[in-house]
Amino acid sequence: MSMSQPQQPNDEESRRREAEATAARQRALMVLLEPNARQRLMNVRIVKPELATAVENYLINAASAGRLNRSITDEELKQILLSIQQPKKDFKINRR
């Protein structure tokens, strides 16, 4: 049937839009992060992609809301990473 014909351009269109959105995010991060901080975020992405995405979203939202008016340093990025990371559960065993 002809139902599969309209599907292809939509898939291609969504892939193109997704690629454009990714490129826009990368351009925004180039402006928002100093080189050392950008490298740290790339390293974090390798180990914890969901944390890196959360940090990127936080930075982009802060910039678009006008709360960020300069580049983030590596030290500031470390603080953001610590604040966004979920606290690890601490197990204590009491012996009696």
Protein backbone atom coordinates (compact mmCIF):
# COMPACT_ATOMS: atom_id res chain seq x y z
CA MET A 1 0.00 0.00 0.00
CA SER A 2 0.99 3.64 -0.19
CA MET A 3 1.13 3.97 3.62
CA SER A 4 4.86 3.24 3.70
CA GLN A 5 5.62 6.06 1.26
CA PRO A 6 4.74 8.98 3.60
CA GLN A 7 6.53 7.20 6.45
CA GLN A 8 9.98 7.51 4.87
CA PRO A 9 10.12 11.31 4.57
CA ASN A 10 8.84 11.61 8.15
CA ASP A 11 11.63 9.37 9.42
CA GLU A 12 14.16 11.34 7.40
CA GLU A 13 12.66 14.61 8.60
CA SER A 14 12.77 13.54 12.24
CA ARG A 15 16.39 12.39 11.88
CA ARG A 16 17.30 15.72 10.29
CA ARG A 17 15.54 17.66 13.06
CA GLU A 18 17.26 15.54 15.70
CA ALA A 19 20.66 16.16 14.07
CA GLU A 20 19.96 19.91 13.96
CA ALA A 21 18.95 19.91 17.62
CA THR A 22 22.13 18.03 18.55
CA ALA A 23 24.23 20.48 16.55
CA ALA A 24 22.50 23.43 18.25
CA ARG A 25 23.18 21.89 21.67
CA GLN A 26 26.86 21.45 20.79
CA ARG A 27 27.13 25.06 19.61
CA ALA A 28 25.50 26.28 22.82
CA LEU A 29 27.87 24.20 24.94
CA MET A 30 30.87 25.54 23.00
CA VAL A 31 29.85 29.01 24.18
CA LEU A 32 28.77 28.02 27.70
CA LEU A 33 31.80 25.92 28.66
CA GLU A 34 35.50 26.72 28.81
CA PRO A 35 37.70 24.14 26.99
CA ASN A 36 38.67 22.23 30.18
CA ALA A 37 35.06 22.05 31.31
CA ARG A 38 33.94 20.89 27.85
CA GLN A 39 36.56 18.11 27.93
CA ARG A 40 35.39 17.03 31.40
CA LEU A 41 31.78 16.87 30.19
CA MET A 42 32.84 14.74 27.20
CA ASN A 43 34.65 12.39 29.59
CA VAL A 44 31.58 12.20 31.83
CA ARG A 45 29.44 11.40 28.77
CA ILE A 46 31.57 8.29 28.11
CA VAL A 47 31.01 6.95 31.64
CA LYS A 48 27.57 8.35 32.54
CA PRO A 49 25.69 9.59 29.45
CA GLU A 50 22.51 10.30 31.43
CA LEU A 51 24.41 12.56 33.86
CA ALA A 52 26.07 14.43 30.99
CA THR A 53 22.67 14.98 29.35
CA ALA A 54 21.22 16.24 32.64
CA VAL A 55 24.10 18.72 33.02
CA GLU A 56 23.72 19.88 29.41
CA ASN A 57 19.99 20.42 29.91
CA TYR A 58 20.67 22.35 33.13
CA LEU A 59 23.26 24.59 31.45
CA ILE A 60 21.14 25.28 28.36
CA ASN A 61 18.05 26.02 30.48
CA ALA A 62 20.05 28.35 32.75
CA ALA A 63 21.47 30.18 29.73
CA SER A 64 18.10 30.55 28.03
CA ALA A 65 16.59 31.87 31.28
CA GLY A 66 19.35 34.48 31.47
CA ARG A 67 20.99 33.06 34.61
CA LEU A 68 24.24 32.28 32.77
CA ASN A 69 26.08 35.23 31.27
CA ARG A 70 29.62 33.83 30.99
CA SER A 71 31.50 30.58 30.34
CA ILE A 72 31.52 27.91 33.03
CA THR A 73 34.97 26.95 34.34
CA ASP A 74 36.09 23.40 35.07
CA GLU A 75 35.74 23.98 38.84
CA GLU A 76 32.19 25.29 38.42
CA LEU A 77 31.31 22.30 36.24
CA LYS A 78 32.62 19.98 38.98
CA GLN A 79 30.25 21.65 41.45
CA ILE A 80 27.32 21.33 39.03
CA LEU A 81 28.15 17.64 38.48
CA LEU A 82 28.23 17.05 42.24
CA SER A 83 24.93 18.84 42.79
CA ILE A 84 23.13 17.00 39.97
CA GLN A 85 24.45 13.51 40.77
CA GLN A 86 22.11 11.40 42.79
CA PRO A 87 23.45 10.79 46.29
CA LYS A 88 24.70 7.26 46.71
CA LYS A 89 23.00 5.12 49.31
CA ASP A 90 25.13 4.59 52.38
CA PHE A 91 24.75 1.33 54.21
CA LYS A 92 25.84 1.14 57.83
CA ILE A 93 25.95 -2.11 59.70
CA ASN A 94 25.64 -1.93 63.46
CA ARG A 95 26.96 -4.98 65.27
CA ARG A 96 25.57 -5.80 68.68
